[in-house]
Amino acid sequence: MKNIQTEIKWAILFVVMTLIWMMIERLTGLHDIHIDKHPIYSNLIAIPAIAIYVFALLDKKKNFYHGKMTYKQGFISGLIITAIVAIISPLTQYISLTLITPHFFENAIQYAISKNMMTVEEANNEFNLKNYIVVGFIGSVVIGIITAAIVAIFTKSKNEN
């Protein structure tokens, strides 16, 4: 457990950041009055998400590997963070979509239908908790692996493989 203490800490920070991000989206109207802009601005979560991976791997390098970390060590550390975030993601989605922004699905369905983007059936199939939990889990795994792979390149020590 001590070997992954850093990853647990940063995964928890990632989850907290995600919940704060959802609060910010709701407070800025991206889940209701400005829902038309939601697909654009929600992608900006990539900035703090990548930053957390960078800080996490630098923390692992400095405090666990004593300043010398290989690409493989960094990538594995990133994969562990990804696994923890993915395991917690259903709970994160549940908290986000039932407590922080309980009317998001209603608003998204109404918007998609009113703009002829989807039929009622398509919108109901797209905007529901079960779908968001599944998509959120898969997305956190895929994007986490890609992020870990890229960030490990930049955080590895010079002359380390």
Protein backbone atom coordinates (compact mmCIF):
# COMPACT_ATOMS: atom_id res chain seq x y z
CA MET A 1 0.00 0.00 0.00
CA LYS A 2 2.87 2.35 0.76
CA ASN A 3 4.11 1.81 -2.81
CA ILE A 4 0.94 3.40 -4.23
CA GLN A 5 0.35 6.03 -1.55
CA THR A 6 1.23 8.81 -4.02
CA GLU A 7 -1.17 7.47 -6.64
CA ILE A 8 -4.02 7.17 -4.13
CA LYS A 9 -3.48 10.77 -2.99
CA TRP A 10 -3.48 12.14 -6.54
CA ALA A 11 -6.44 10.00 -7.63
CA ILE A 12 -8.46 11.39 -4.74
CA LEU A 13 -7.40 14.92 -5.71
CA PHE A 14 -8.48 14.14 -9.28
CA VAL A 15 -11.93 13.05 -8.07
CA VAL A 16 -12.27 16.18 -5.90
CA MET A 17 -11.23 18.34 -8.87
CA THR A 18 -13.87 16.62 -11.02
CA LEU A 19 -16.61 17.33 -8.48
CA ILE A 20 -15.51 20.96 -8.15
CA TRP A 21 -15.49 21.22 -11.96
CA MET A 22 -19.07 19.94 -12.06
CA MET A 23 -20.07 22.57 -9.48
CA ILE A 24 -18.42 25.27 -11.57
CA GLU A 25 -20.22 24.06 -14.71
CA ARG A 26 -23.54 24.15 -12.90
CA LEU A 27 -22.93 27.56 -11.32
CA THR A 28 -21.92 29.08 -14.66
CA GLY A 29 -25.13 27.83 -16.28
CA LEU A 30 -23.58 25.15 -18.46
CA HIS A 31 -26.17 22.67 -17.19
CA ASP A 32 -29.20 24.86 -17.86
CA ILE A 33 -29.28 28.36 -19.36
CA HIS A 34 -26.02 27.89 -21.33
CA ILE A 35 -26.41 24.18 -22.01
CA ASP A 36 -25.76 24.89 -25.69
CA LYS A 37 -22.16 25.75 -24.75
CA HIS A 38 -21.68 22.70 -22.49
CA PRO A 39 -20.03 20.46 -25.12
CA ILE A 40 -17.42 23.15 -25.79
CA TYR A 41 -16.52 24.30 -22.29
CA SER A 42 -16.77 20.92 -20.58
CA ASN A 43 -13.70 19.80 -22.54
CA LEU A 44 -11.62 22.39 -20.70
CA ILE A 45 -11.51 19.94 -17.78
CA ALA A 46 -8.58 18.43 -19.69
CA ILE A 47 -6.37 21.29 -18.45
CA PRO A 48 -6.60 20.57 -14.71
CA ALA A 49 -6.81 16.81 -15.40
CA ILE A 50 -3.50 16.79 -17.27
CA ALA A 51 -1.97 19.10 -14.65
CA ILE A 52 -2.90 16.63 -11.91
CA TYR A 53 -1.18 13.79 -13.79
CA VAL A 54 1.93 15.94 -14.27
CA PHE A 55 2.07 16.91 -10.59
CA ALA A 56 1.39 13.32 -9.56
CA LEU A 57 4.20 11.87 -11.64
CA LEU A 58 6.60 14.59 -10.57
CA ASP A 59 5.67 13.87 -6.96
CA LYS A 60 6.27 10.14 -7.51
CA LYS A 61 9.59 10.85 -9.19
CA LYS A 62 10.82 13.18 -6.44
CA ASN A 63 9.52 11.50 -3.31
CA PHE A 64 9.41 7.81 -4.19
CA TYR A 65 12.09 7.36 -6.84
CA HIS A 66 14.43 9.99 -5.35
CA GLY A 67 14.57 12.08 -8.53
CA LYS A 68 15.22 9.23 -10.98
CA MET A 69 12.20 7.76 -12.73
CA THR A 70 12.05 5.72 -15.93
CA TYR A 71 9.29 6.04 -18.49
CA LYS A 72 7.95 2.64 -17.42
CA GLN A 73 7.81 3.66 -13.75
CA GLY A 74 6.00 6.89 -14.64
CA PHE A 75 3.59 5.13 -16.97
CA ILE A 76 2.75 2.49 -14.36
CA SER A 77 2.19 5.22 -11.77
CA GLY A 78 -0.18 6.95 -14.21
CA LEU A 79 -1.98 3.67 -14.86
CA ILE A 80 -2.52 3.17 -11.14
CA ILE A 81 -4.02 6.66 -10.86
CA THR A 82 -6.21 5.88 -13.85
CA ALA A 83 -7.40 2.61 -12.31
CA ILE A 84 -8.33 4.29 -9.02
CA VAL A 85 -10.12 7.16 -10.77
CA ALA A 86 -11.98 4.68 -13.00
CA ILE A 87 -13.07 2.56 -10.05
CA ILE A 88 -14.38 5.67 -8.26
CA SER A 89 -15.92 7.19 -11.43
CA PRO A 90 -19.39 5.62 -11.01
CA LEU A 91 -19.64 7.23 -7.57
CA THR A 92 -18.31 10.51 -8.97
CA GLN A 93 -20.95 10.44 -11.74
CA TYR A 94 -23.66 9.59 -9.25
CA ILE A 95 -22.72 12.47 -6.92
CA SER A 96 -22.39 14.87 -9.84
CA LEU A 97 -25.66 14.01 -11.52
CA THR A 98 -27.91 13.46 -8.51
CA LEU A 99 -26.58 15.91 -5.92
CA ILE A 100 -24.64 18.64 -7.72
CA THR A 101 -26.77 18.97 -10.83
CA PRO A 102 -29.91 16.85 -10.54
CA HIS A 103 -31.71 18.52 -13.47
CA PHE A 104 -28.93 18.11 -16.01
CA PHE A 105 -30.53 15.20 -17.85
CA GLU A 106 -33.91 16.92 -18.09
CA ASN A 107 -32.24 20.05 -19.48
CA ALA A 108 -30.03 18.14 -21.90
CA ILE A 109 -32.96 16.08 -23.20
CA GLN A 110 -35.13 19.16 -23.62
CA TYR A 111 -32.34 21.03 -25.43
CA ALA A 112 -31.47 18.13 -27.77
CA ILE A 113 -35.11 17.64 -28.71
CA SER A 114 -35.86 21.36 -29.14
CA LYS A 115 -32.92 21.77 -31.53
CA ASN A 116 -33.88 18.64 -33.50
CA MET A 117 -30.53 17.07 -32.60
CA MET A 118 -32.18 13.87 -31.36
CA THR A 119 -35.53 12.20 -31.11
CA VAL A 120 -37.11 11.79 -27.70
CA GLU A 121 -36.02 8.15 -27.63
CA GLU A 122 -32.43 8.96 -28.66
CA ALA A 123 -32.17 11.74 -26.08
CA ASN A 124 -33.53 9.50 -23.32
CA ASN A 125 -31.04 6.78 -24.26
CA GLU A 126 -28.15 9.27 -24.31
CA PHE A 127 -28.89 11.40 -21.26
CA ASN A 128 -29.37 9.09 -18.29
CA LEU A 129 -27.34 8.05 -15.26
CA LYS A 130 -26.64 4.50 -16.43
CA ASN A 131 -25.24 5.68 -19.77
CA TYR A 132 -23.14 8.40 -18.15
CA ILE A 133 -21.71 5.93 -15.63
CA VAL A 134 -20.71 3.50 -18.40
CA VAL A 135 -19.34 6.19 -20.71
CA GLY A 136 -17.59 7.92 -17.79
CA PHE A 137 -15.90 4.69 -16.73
CA ILE A 138 -14.73 3.80 -20.24
CA GLY A 139 -13.68 7.38 -20.92
CA SER A 140 -11.68 7.62 -17.70
CA VAL A 141 -9.81 4.42 -18.59
CA VAL A 142 -9.06 5.36 -22.21
CA ILE A 143 -8.19 9.00 -21.59
CA GLY A 144 -6.27 8.10 -18.42
CA ILE A 145 -4.09 5.59 -20.28
CA ILE A 146 -3.35 8.10 -23.04
CA THR A 147 -2.61 10.85 -20.52
CA ALA A 148 -0.36 8.57 -18.46
CA ALA A 149 1.54 7.50 -21.58
CA ILE A 150 2.15 11.08 -22.70
CA VAL A 151 2.87 12.63 -19.29
CA ALA A 152 5.35 9.84 -18.49
CA ILE A 153 7.41 10.94 -21.51
CA PHE A 154 7.84 14.42 -20.06
CA THR A 155 8.33 13.45 -16.43
CA LYS A 156 10.88 10.66 -16.82
CA SER A 157 14.45 11.42 -15.90
CA LYS A 158 16.92 12.24 -18.63
CA ASN A 159 18.76 9.16 -19.91
CA GLU A 160 16.16 6.86 -18.32
CA ASN A 161 14.07 4.46 -20.42
